[in-house]
Amino acid sequence: MHVRMVDLEDGKIGIHAEVEVSRDYLQHLFSQRTPVVYEVEEILKKYQIDYNIWHDKIKKNITTVVDNYKVKLATPGIPVFAWKPMLFVIGTVMALYGWKFFNTI
């Protein structure tokens, strides 16, 4: 989860939070980021911080947040691939082919 804080007027701060695929996977380069509010609101409530939630599309403050109301994240069409093991396998295969090539010269 990424959390960004922005300085607003009157000593207020804006918090932008979103989740995405981990950088350990190849799909990180092409995946969409999904905005989240539940986790941030939970932290603010836990530490008793006074807050208002602004909905930028409707230009109004949100009064209540219903927990996980109709939240559905789309499952990727293809499975996620860890790029570090793939890089190791590709490097190993290239080294073996290189060794075979230079050994036959």
Protein backbone atom coordinates (compact mmCIF):
# COMPACT_ATOMS: atom_id res chain seq x y z
CA MET A 1 0.00 0.00 0.00
CA HIS A 2 1.26 3.46 -0.90
CA VAL A 3 0.31 6.39 1.33
CA ARG A 4 1.07 9.94 0.22
CA MET A 5 0.48 13.03 2.34
CA VAL A 6 -0.07 16.43 0.78
CA ASP A 7 -0.05 19.83 2.47
CA LEU A 8 -3.41 21.62 2.13
CA GLU A 9 -4.60 25.02 3.34
CA ASP A 10 -5.39 25.86 6.99
CA GLY A 11 -2.92 23.32 8.41
CA LYS A 12 -4.83 20.36 6.93
CA ILE A 13 -3.20 17.44 5.17
CA GLY A 14 -4.51 15.31 2.35
CA ILE A 15 -3.89 11.56 2.37
CA HIS A 16 -3.87 9.55 -0.86
CA ALA A 17 -3.73 5.77 -0.34
CA GLU A 18 -3.69 2.98 -2.93
CA VAL A 19 -2.75 -0.68 -3.28
CA GLU A 20 -0.99 -2.37 -6.18
CA VAL A 21 0.86 -5.54 -7.15
CA SER A 22 4.20 -5.95 -5.34
CA ARG A 23 7.40 -4.89 -7.12
CA ASP A 24 8.59 -8.49 -6.86
CA TYR A 25 6.25 -9.42 -9.71
CA LEU A 26 6.43 -8.60 -13.41
CA GLN A 27 2.79 -7.44 -13.43
CA HIS A 28 3.79 -4.47 -11.24
CA LEU A 29 4.79 -2.67 -14.45
CA PHE A 30 1.35 -2.99 -16.04
CA SER A 31 -1.14 -3.32 -13.16
CA GLN A 32 -3.64 -0.73 -12.07
CA ARG A 33 -3.57 0.92 -8.68
CA THR A 34 -6.71 0.73 -6.57
CA PRO A 35 -7.54 3.58 -4.15
CA VAL A 36 -8.32 2.51 -0.57
CA VAL A 37 -9.93 4.31 2.34
CA TYR A 38 -10.68 1.55 4.87
CA GLU A 39 -7.13 1.03 6.09
CA VAL A 40 -6.38 4.74 6.43
CA GLU A 41 -9.64 5.39 8.28
CA GLU A 42 -8.91 2.48 10.64
CA ILE A 43 -5.51 3.99 11.55
CA LEU A 44 -7.00 7.45 12.09
CA LYS A 45 -9.72 6.00 14.35
CA LYS A 46 -7.20 3.90 16.30
CA TYR A 47 -5.13 6.96 17.22
CA GLN A 48 -8.24 9.16 17.72
CA ILE A 49 -7.25 11.66 15.04
CA ASP A 50 -10.02 14.01 13.91
CA TYR A 51 -10.54 13.69 10.14
CA ASN A 52 -12.86 14.42 7.23
CA ILE A 53 -12.99 12.31 4.08
CA TRP A 54 -13.36 14.27 0.84
CA HIS A 55 -14.71 12.55 -2.27
CA ASP A 56 -13.10 14.34 -5.20
CA LYS A 57 -15.56 13.14 -7.87
CA ILE A 58 -18.72 14.32 -6.11
CA LYS A 59 -16.96 17.26 -4.39
CA LYS A 60 -18.40 16.53 -0.94
CA ASN A 61 -17.26 15.22 2.43
CA ILE A 62 -18.11 11.60 3.22
CA THR A 63 -19.94 11.23 6.54
CA THR A 64 -19.72 7.45 7.06
CA VAL A 65 -17.68 4.64 5.60
CA VAL A 66 -19.40 1.26 5.36
CA ASP A 67 -16.85 -1.54 5.95
CA ASN A 68 -15.95 -3.37 2.74
CA TYR A 69 -19.17 -2.38 1.00
CA LYS A 70 -19.30 -4.27 -2.32
CA VAL A 71 -15.51 -4.31 -2.65
CA LYS A 72 -14.42 -6.58 -5.48
CA LEU A 73 -10.89 -6.58 -6.83
CA ALA A 74 -10.46 -8.05 -10.28
CA THR A 75 -8.36 -11.20 -10.52
CA PRO A 76 -5.65 -10.94 -13.17
CA GLY A 77 -6.22 -13.00 -16.31
CA ILE A 78 -2.75 -14.52 -16.08
CA PRO A 79 -0.93 -15.56 -12.90
CA VAL A 80 1.68 -13.22 -11.47
CA PHE A 81 5.32 -13.98 -12.31
CA ALA A 82 8.17 -13.30 -9.91
CA TRP A 83 10.85 -11.63 -12.04
CA LYS A 84 13.90 -12.41 -9.88
CA PRO A 85 13.70 -16.23 -10.28
CA MET A 86 12.92 -15.75 -13.99
CA LEU A 87 16.06 -13.64 -14.35
CA PHE A 88 18.13 -16.34 -12.62
CA VAL A 89 16.77 -19.09 -14.90
CA ILE A 90 17.33 -17.01 -18.05
CA GLY A 91 20.87 -16.12 -16.91
CA THR A 92 21.68 -19.77 -16.16
CA VAL A 93 20.39 -20.95 -19.57
CA MET A 94 22.38 -18.20 -21.32
CA ALA A 95 25.54 -19.15 -19.40
CA LEU A 96 25.13 -22.83 -20.33
CA TYR A 97 24.57 -22.03 -24.01
CA GLY A 98 27.53 -19.62 -23.96
CA TRP A 99 29.75 -22.25 -22.36
CA LYS A 100 28.61 -24.83 -24.95
CA PHE A 101 29.22 -22.37 -27.82
CA PHE A 102 32.70 -21.30 -26.67
CA ASN A 103 33.66 -24.89 -25.85
CA THR A 104 33.00 -26.01 -29.45
CA ILE A 105 35.13 -23.28 -31.07
